[in-house]
Structure formats: C-alpha cells, structure tokens
Protein backbone atom coordinates (compact mmCIF):
# COMPACT_ATOMS: atom_id res chain seq x y z
CA MET A 1 38.91 -10.28 14.57
CA ALA A 2 38.26 -11.54 18.31
CA ASP A 3 40.01 -8.53 19.55
CA ASP A 4 38.18 -5.68 17.90
CA GLU A 5 34.96 -7.54 18.86
CA LEU A 6 36.21 -7.25 22.46
CA ALA A 7 37.83 -3.98 21.82
CA SER A 8 34.69 -2.57 20.99
CA LYS A 9 32.64 -3.80 24.10
CA LEU A 10 35.22 -2.62 26.10
CA ALA A 11 35.25 0.43 24.35
CA ARG A 12 31.14 0.90 24.84
CA ARG A 13 31.61 -0.14 28.66
CA GLU A 14 33.43 2.77 29.36
CA ALA A 15 30.94 4.98 27.56
CA LEU A 16 28.20 3.34 29.73
CA ASN A 17 29.94 3.49 32.87
CA GLU A 18 31.64 7.78 31.94
CA GLY A 19 27.63 8.42 31.00
CA ASN A 20 28.47 8.68 27.18
CA GLU A 21 25.70 6.59 26.41
CA GLU A 22 22.83 4.80 26.78
CA PRO A 23 22.46 1.67 28.00
CA ASN A 24 20.08 -0.51 25.57
CA THR A 25 16.75 -1.02 26.92
CA ASP A 26 15.55 -3.16 24.04
CA LYS A 27 12.88 -5.80 25.54
CA ARG A 28 14.66 -8.42 23.34
CA THR A 29 18.04 -8.57 25.07
CA LEU A 30 16.45 -8.11 28.80
CA VAL A 31 16.04 -11.57 29.68
CA PHE A 32 13.89 -12.46 33.06
CA ASN A 33 13.13 -15.44 34.35
CA PRO A 34 10.15 -15.32 37.35
CA TYR A 35 10.05 -18.97 38.92
CA THR A 36 14.22 -19.04 39.14
CA GLU A 37 14.83 -15.81 40.32
CA PHE A 38 11.39 -15.91 43.10
CA LYS A 39 12.02 -19.19 44.42
CA GLU A 40 10.20 -18.12 47.38
CA PHE A 41 7.49 -18.12 45.38
CA SER A 42 4.97 -20.75 43.95
CA ARG A 43 4.19 -21.48 39.91
CA LYS A 44 0.64 -20.79 40.68
CA GLU A 45 1.49 -18.11 43.40
CA ILE A 46 3.14 -16.26 40.41
CA LYS A 47 0.67 -16.68 37.81
CA GLN A 48 -1.47 -15.31 40.32
CA TYR A 49 0.71 -11.96 40.68
CA GLU A 50 0.59 -12.46 36.88
CA LYS A 51 -2.85 -12.17 36.46
CA MET A 52 -3.04 -9.39 38.74
CA PHE A 53 -0.50 -7.43 37.11
CA LYS A 54 -1.89 -7.84 34.08
CA ASN A 55 -5.08 -7.44 35.36
CA TYR A 56 -3.63 -3.33 36.11
CA ASP A 57 -2.00 -2.95 32.79
CA THR A 58 -4.51 -0.88 31.38
CA ASP A 59 -2.75 -0.40 28.16
CA LYS A 60 -1.06 -3.67 27.41
CA ASN A 61 2.80 -2.20 28.04
CA HIS A 62 3.65 -4.57 30.41
CA PHE A 63 4.58 -1.68 32.68
CA ILE A 64 2.27 -0.94 35.46
CA GLU A 65 2.54 3.43 35.23
CA LEU A 66 1.50 6.30 38.00
CA MET A 67 -2.41 5.90 36.82
CA GLU A 68 -2.24 2.10 36.56
CA LEU A 69 -0.99 2.13 40.05
CA LYS A 70 -3.28 4.49 41.62
CA PHE A 71 -6.33 3.13 39.96
CA MET A 72 -5.05 -0.66 40.92
CA MET A 73 -4.90 0.39 44.66
CA GLU A 74 -8.00 2.28 44.44
CA LYS A 75 -10.11 -0.88 43.55
CA LEU A 76 -8.07 -2.67 45.85
CA GLY A 77 -9.85 -0.21 48.68
CA ALA A 78 -6.28 1.54 49.60
CA PRO A 79 -6.40 4.91 47.20
CA GLN A 80 -3.06 6.83 48.07
CA THR A 81 -2.43 10.48 47.10
CA HIS A 82 -0.22 11.27 44.15
CA CYS A 83 3.52 11.55 46.73
CA ALA A 84 2.05 8.50 48.23
CA LEU A 85 1.87 6.63 44.62
CA LYS A 86 5.16 8.18 43.46
CA ASP A 87 7.01 6.84 46.40
CA MET A 88 5.50 3.23 45.74
CA ILE A 89 7.20 3.55 42.36
CA LYS A 90 10.28 4.45 43.46
CA GLU A 91 10.74 2.15 46.05
CA VAL A 92 11.26 -0.63 43.67
CA ASP A 93 11.90 1.07 40.74
CA GLU A 94 15.25 -0.37 40.26
CA ASP A 95 16.05 0.45 36.55
CA HIS A 96 14.55 4.14 37.61
CA ASP A 97 11.95 4.36 34.75
CA GLY A 98 9.23 5.87 36.59
CA ARG A 99 6.94 2.91 36.28
CA ILE A 100 6.85 -0.92 37.48
CA SER A 101 7.87 -4.02 35.74
CA PHE A 102 6.72 -7.64 36.70
CA ARG A 103 10.11 -8.24 38.10
CA GLU A 104 9.92 -5.32 40.43
CA PHE A 105 6.27 -6.09 41.15
CA LEU A 106 7.40 -9.17 42.44
CA LEU A 107 10.13 -7.50 44.45
CA ILE A 108 6.76 -5.40 46.00
CA PHE A 109 6.05 -9.27 47.56
CA ARG A 110 9.28 -10.13 48.34
CA LYS A 111 10.68 -7.11 50.21
CA ALA A 112 6.89 -7.82 52.27
CA ALA A 113 7.72 -11.12 52.79
CA ALA A 114 10.96 -10.23 54.17
CA GLY A 115 9.97 -7.49 56.30
CA GLU A 116 12.15 -4.91 54.21
CA LEU A 117 8.38 -2.56 53.65
CA ASP A 118 7.65 0.26 56.20
CA SER A 119 4.23 -0.93 57.85
CA ASP A 120 2.68 2.25 57.13
CA SER A 121 3.67 2.54 53.62
CA GLY A 122 1.40 2.04 50.36
CA LEU A 123 3.41 -1.08 48.80
CA SER A 124 2.92 -2.92 51.98
CA ALA A 125 -0.75 -1.94 51.75
CA LEU A 126 -0.81 -3.37 48.53
CA ALA A 127 1.32 -6.49 49.93
CA ARG A 128 -1.26 -7.25 52.82
CA LEU A 129 -4.36 -6.77 50.31
CA THR A 130 -3.47 -9.62 48.64
CA GLU A 131 -3.11 -12.02 51.80
CA ILE A 132 -5.79 -13.21 53.65
CA ASP A 133 -8.63 -11.07 55.77
CA VAL A 134 -8.39 -13.16 58.92
CA ASP A 135 -12.24 -11.06 59.31
CA LYS A 136 -13.47 -12.63 56.82
CA GLU A 137 -12.43 -15.89 56.28
CA GLY A 138 -13.19 -16.03 60.47
CA VAL A 139 -10.27 -18.14 62.73
CA GLY A 140 -10.31 -21.67 60.82
CA GLY A 141 -9.40 -19.77 57.45
CA ALA A 142 -6.88 -18.32 59.20
CA LYS A 143 -5.69 -21.77 60.37
CA ASN A 144 -5.80 -23.21 57.59
CA PHE A 145 -4.40 -20.57 55.48
CA PHE A 146 -1.38 -21.16 57.24
CA GLU A 147 -0.71 -25.09 57.63
CA ALA A 148 -0.93 -24.51 54.05
CA LYS A 149 1.56 -21.92 54.40
CA ILE A 150 3.46 -24.08 56.74
CA ASN A 151 2.72 -27.31 54.56
CA GLU A 152 3.98 -25.33 51.15
CA GLN A 153 6.79 -24.25 52.56
CA THR A 154 8.12 -28.11 53.40
CA GLN A 155 7.92 -29.49 50.55
CA LEU A 156 11.92 -28.87 49.16
CA LYS A 157 11.18 -29.71 45.68
CA LYS A 158 7.57 -28.13 45.12
CA PHE A 159 8.68 -26.23 41.49
CA GLU A 160 10.61 -29.88 40.14
CA GLU A 161 7.51 -31.52 41.67
CA GLU A 162 5.28 -29.09 39.31
CA ILE A 163 7.77 -29.70 36.27
CA ARG A 164 7.51 -33.65 36.49
CA GLN A 165 4.09 -33.52 36.50
CA GLU A 166 3.68 -31.10 33.41
CA GLN A 167 6.15 -33.55 31.57
CA GLU A 168 4.04 -37.04 31.99
CA GLU A 169 1.03 -34.65 30.82
CA LYS A 170 2.87 -34.38 27.61
CA LYS A 171 4.23 -37.35 27.97
CA GLN A 172 0.93 -39.12 27.86
CA GLU A 173 -0.84 -36.67 25.42
CA GLU A 174 2.19 -37.85 23.10
CA GLU A 175 1.61 -41.35 23.78
CA GLU A 176 -2.10 -40.83 22.78
CA ARG A 177 -1.31 -39.23 19.65
CA LYS A 178 1.08 -42.17 18.77
CA LYS A 179 -1.72 -44.82 19.45
CA ARG A 180 -4.43 -42.73 17.33
CA ARG A 181 -1.59 -42.20 14.35
CA GLU A 182 -0.76 -46.33 14.95
CA GLU A 183 -4.56 -46.75 14.79
CA PHE A 184 -5.49 -44.54 11.66
CA LYS A 185 -2.85 -46.15 9.88
CA ALA A 186 -4.20 -49.65 10.61
CA LYS A 187 -7.05 -48.87 9.28
CA GLN A 188 -5.98 -46.89 6.69
CA ALA A 189 -4.00 -49.94 5.12
CA ALA A 190 -7.39 -52.35 5.76
CA PHE A 191 -8.84 -49.83 2.39
CA LYS A 192 -5.94 -50.24 0.63
CA VAL A 193 -6.25 -53.65 -0.05
C-alpha cells in the first residue's frame, strides 16, 4: 500500500516536471507564515504591511492585481504607466500568475532593504513611500527614526519577547476567569444551603 502511494506521488511529480499536469494551487495546500519567513521584519511591521495590502486588495481575493496596483500607486502619489505596472508585478511574481500575493508583497520590502531594486523602478518608489519622509518629519524626526531602527535591530529576541508577552496576557486572562468562576461557585454554594 505504501509502495502504491509512493509510486503515485512519483508519477505525479514526473507529470508536473514534464508539463503534462498543472500544479495544485488550492489555497489550503499553500502554507505561508510571514513571521517565520520574513524574520527581518518585526511583527508590528508585518501587520502594517498586511493592513496596507488588505486596504488595496479591493476585491478581497487575497491578491493585488494590475488595476489594484495602479490604484495603489496613484493613491501613494507615484502613478505608473501600464507597462511599468506589469514590470512591477513581474519583478516579484514568483508563481507567474500575473498578480501579487501577500508573500510577494513582502518580497518588495525585503528586496528594497537589501538594495536589490532598481532605484528608478516602481517597486523602489513603493518601498520608499512607506519609509520616513525627512522633509515632513524634519531632521529630528529622521534622527529618532534611525535611532529606533538601530535599537530594533539590536534586539536579538524581539519575536520571542512579543510572543512571551502575548502568552503572559493570555495566562493572566485565564487566571482572572478561573478566579471569577471560583467566586461564582462560592456564591452559588451559599444559595444551595
């Protein structure tokens, strides 16, 4: 039985490699955890990127398509031509479906931080628009921004601390719930006399 299962998996893999069969793109089989894959971003940054992504995913299909990207760039004050928008998508579109998933959206910011984007590309403009504006914040704001960035990077266990804090809050909530239950049972016992 195990041999049959292995043989069918190998046959499917060969069919995929030969191009005779399409890969399974069912959303349930594609597992993606941004917190483990994009460790260079804090949980707060990922949540901000996710909020931005959801804001511009107007049809709520979990992808930013060409027209949604066009709208995003116009709203951010950096409108792009149709060809430039297609190039932007192509630059991060790893699965070649012509649209940007949340994972591919995060790749934009990873590539920007690593200096892998052309300075005149639309993706570079998108990444810059999410960073601090020195003209708006002033030198003091920029100084505070960079100091905060340095402090953030020196925290070796920032995720662990955030998770520990969340666990502690849940533990306290559970203890409060337990205490309320005990108080209720004590009052209930007084009425059963």
